[in-house]
Amino acid sequence: MAGFGHGTRKHPRSRGRTWSRTGPDRATLGIIGAICAIAGLFVLGIILGPVAMVCGWLAMNRTWSGARPVPALTALVLGAIDTLLAIIWLAGAATPGNGLY
């Protein structure tokens, strides 16, 4: 009887073909994070900064040890700078002087 998983093939649907176990590639996440970080310097730093930091952290495989790809580290550092500058800009915009100048 070939029903209920007792077929002639042991694993007819391997996970590698139907759904990726590892998610996006680490290099892809690093590049996406770096793009978000660079774009965050110009627009929407409060949103793109944390997105870049998360992408960089995931691209580094959630660890500080071992080899660090350059785009992942760039995304993490620039994302932190984006977020910090956006918070400073928002704090300056909320003061009675209405701006950083």
C-alpha atoms as a PDB file:
ATOM      1  CA  MET A   1       0.000   0.000   0.000  1.00  0.00           C
ATOM      2  CA  ALA A   2       1.446   3.343  -1.032  1.00  0.00           C
ATOM      3  CA  GLY A   3      -0.553   5.689   1.195  1.00  0.00           C
ATOM      4  CA  PHE A   4       0.242   7.598   4.385  1.00  0.00           C
ATOM      5  CA  GLY A   5       3.936   8.110   3.730  1.00  0.00           C
ATOM      6  CA  HIS A   6       4.731   4.463   2.992  1.00  0.00           C
ATOM      7  CA  GLY A   7       5.453   4.950  -0.677  1.00  0.00           C
ATOM      8  CA  THR A   8       8.252   3.618  -2.751  1.00  0.00           C
ATOM      9  CA  ARG A   9      10.291   6.800  -2.264  1.00  0.00           C
ATOM     10  CA  LYS A  10      11.404   7.566   1.266  1.00  0.00           C
ATOM     11  CA  HIS A  11      11.257  11.345   1.023  1.00  0.00           C
ATOM     12  CA  PRO A  12       9.210  12.476  -1.985  1.00  0.00           C
ATOM     13  CA  ARG A  13       9.252  16.132  -0.948  1.00  0.00           C
ATOM     14  CA  SER A  14      12.586  17.166   0.401  1.00  0.00           C
ATOM     15  CA  ARG A  15      12.654  20.387   2.343  1.00  0.00           C
ATOM     16  CA  GLY A  16      15.364  21.851   0.134  1.00  0.00           C
ATOM     17  CA  ARG A  17      13.091  22.014  -2.899  1.00  0.00           C
ATOM     18  CA  THR A  18       9.809  23.047  -1.322  1.00  0.00           C
ATOM     19  CA  TRP A  19      10.874  25.344   1.514  1.00  0.00           C
ATOM     20  CA  SER A  20      14.276  26.642   2.484  1.00  0.00           C
ATOM     21  CA  ARG A  21      15.312  25.768   6.014  1.00  0.00           C
ATOM     22  CA  THR A  22      17.889  28.484   6.305  1.00  0.00           C
ATOM     23  CA  GLY A  23      15.906  31.421   4.922  1.00  0.00           C
ATOM     24  CA  PRO A  24      17.578  34.083   2.797  1.00  0.00           C
ATOM     25  CA  ASP A  25      21.257  33.789   2.028  1.00  0.00           C
ATOM     26  CA  ARG A  26      23.563  35.597   4.463  1.00  0.00           C
ATOM     27  CA  ALA A  27      25.265  37.528   1.664  1.00  0.00           C
ATOM     28  CA  THR A  28      21.887  38.724   0.399  1.00  0.00           C
ATOM     29  CA  LEU A  29      20.885  39.915   3.859  1.00  0.00           C
ATOM     30  CA  GLY A  30      24.175  41.795   4.186  1.00  0.00           C
ATOM     31  CA  ILE A  31      23.669  43.573   0.879  1.00  0.00           C
ATOM     32  CA  ILE A  32      20.035  44.424   1.690  1.00  0.00           C
ATOM     33  CA  GLY A  33      21.135  45.763   5.069  1.00  0.00           C
ATOM     34  CA  ALA A  34      23.887  47.871   3.529  1.00  0.00           C
ATOM     35  CA  ILE A  35      21.456  49.357   0.998  1.00  0.00           C
ATOM     36  CA  CYS A  36      18.953  50.156   3.753  1.00  0.00           C
ATOM     37  CA  ALA A  37      21.702  51.742   5.849  1.00  0.00           C
ATOM     38  CA  ILE A  38      22.936  53.969   3.031  1.00  0.00           C
ATOM     39  CA  ALA A  39      19.395  54.981   2.090  1.00  0.00           C
ATOM     40  CA  GLY A  40      18.685  55.642   5.774  1.00  0.00           C
ATOM     41  CA  LEU A  41      21.339  58.350   5.812  1.00  0.00           C
ATOM     42  CA  PHE A  42      19.151  60.379   3.449  1.00  0.00           C
ATOM     43  CA  VAL A  43      15.539  59.417   4.206  1.00  0.00           C
ATOM     44  CA  LEU A  44      13.600  57.587   6.936  1.00  0.00           C
ATOM     45  CA  GLY A  45      16.605  56.860   9.138  1.00  0.00           C
ATOM     46  CA  ILE A  46      14.367  56.012  12.093  1.00  0.00           C
ATOM     47  CA  ILE A  47      12.879  53.107  10.100  1.00  0.00           C
ATOM     48  CA  LEU A  48      15.689  52.042   7.799  1.00  0.00           C
ATOM     49  CA  GLY A  49      18.347  52.174  10.519  1.00  0.00           C
ATOM     50  CA  PRO A  50      16.865  49.395  12.662  1.00  0.00           C
ATOM     51  CA  VAL A  51      16.021  47.379   9.527  1.00  0.00           C
ATOM     52  CA  ALA A  52      19.661  47.625   8.455  1.00  0.00           C
ATOM     53  CA  MET A  53      20.846  46.605  11.914  1.00  0.00           C
ATOM     54  CA  VAL A  54      18.602  43.531  11.950  1.00  0.00           C
ATOM     55  CA  CYS A  55      19.675  42.505   8.443  1.00  0.00           C
ATOM     56  CA  GLY A  56      23.342  42.988   9.350  1.00  0.00           C
ATOM     57  CA  TRP A  57      22.959  40.999  12.566  1.00  0.00           C
ATOM     58  CA  LEU A  58      21.230  38.132  10.749  1.00  0.00           C
ATOM     59  CA  ALA A  59      23.839  38.224   7.985  1.00  0.00           C
ATOM     60  CA  MET A  60      26.561  37.876  10.611  1.00  0.00           C
ATOM     61  CA  ASN A  61      24.739  34.739  11.777  1.00  0.00           C
ATOM     62  CA  ARG A  62      23.778  36.364  15.082  1.00  0.00           C
ATOM     63  CA  THR A  63      27.262  36.194  16.536  1.00  0.00           C
ATOM     64  CA  TRP A  64      30.298  38.423  16.948  1.00  0.00           C
ATOM     65  CA  SER A  65      32.813  35.602  16.618  1.00  0.00           C
ATOM     66  CA  GLY A  66      34.167  34.127  13.404  1.00  0.00           C
ATOM     67  CA  ALA A  67      34.425  35.673   9.977  1.00  0.00           C
ATOM     68  CA  ARG A  68      32.423  38.844   9.497  1.00  0.00           C
ATOM     69  CA  PRO A  69      31.330  39.696   5.972  1.00  0.00           C
ATOM     70  CA  VAL A  70      31.990  43.330   5.082  1.00  0.00           C
ATOM     71  CA  PRO A  71      28.414  44.196   3.929  1.00  0.00           C
ATOM     72  CA  ALA A  72      26.970  42.759   7.142  1.00  0.00           C
ATOM     73  CA  LEU A  73      29.292  44.749   9.370  1.00  0.00           C
ATOM     74  CA  THR A  74      28.716  47.874   7.266  1.00  0.00           C
ATOM     75  CA  ALA A  75      24.953  47.422   7.589  1.00  0.00           C
ATOM     76  CA  LEU A  76      25.186  47.001  11.342  1.00  0.00           C
ATOM     77  CA  VAL A  77      27.416  50.030  11.948  1.00  0.00           C
ATOM     78  CA  LEU A  78      25.666  52.391   9.501  1.00  0.00           C
ATOM     79  CA  GLY A  79      22.262  51.247  10.761  1.00  0.00           C
ATOM     80  CA  ALA A  80      23.265  52.194  14.301  1.00  0.00           C
ATOM     81  CA  ILE A  81      24.511  55.575  13.066  1.00  0.00           C
ATOM     82  CA  ASP A  82      21.263  56.115  11.126  1.00  0.00           C
ATOM     83  CA  THR A  83      19.171  55.335  14.173  1.00  0.00           C
ATOM     84  CA  LEU A  84      21.246  57.538  16.454  1.00  0.00           C
ATOM     85  CA  LEU A  85      21.138  60.500  14.047  1.00  0.00           C
ATOM     86  CA  ALA A  86      17.382  60.099  13.579  1.00  0.00           C
ATOM     87  CA  ILE A  87      16.800  60.090  17.336  1.00  0.00           C
ATOM     88  CA  ILE A  88      18.978  63.188  17.762  1.00  0.00           C
ATOM     89  CA  TRP A  89      17.147  64.907  14.909  1.00  0.00           C
ATOM     90  CA  LEU A  90      13.744  64.022  16.388  1.00  0.00           C
ATOM     91  CA  ALA A  91      14.819  65.250  19.828  1.00  0.00           C
ATOM     92  CA  GLY A  92      16.008  68.503  18.281  1.00  0.00           C
ATOM     93  CA  ALA A  93      12.774  68.931  16.359  1.00  0.00           C
ATOM     94  CA  ALA A  94      10.752  68.517  19.550  1.00  0.00           C
ATOM     95  CA  THR A  95      12.485  71.339  21.394  1.00  0.00           C
ATOM     96  CA  PRO A  96      11.018  74.843  21.528  1.00  0.00           C
ATOM     97  CA  GLY A  97      13.700  76.037  19.084  1.00  0.00           C
ATOM     98  CA  ASN A  98      12.111  73.791  16.419  1.00  0.00           C
ATOM     99  CA  GLY A  99      15.225  72.265  14.919  1.00  0.00           C
ATOM    100  CA  LEU A 100      18.878  71.526  15.293  1.00  0.00           C
ATOM    101  CA  TYR A 101      20.117  74.951  14.213  1.00  0.00           C
END
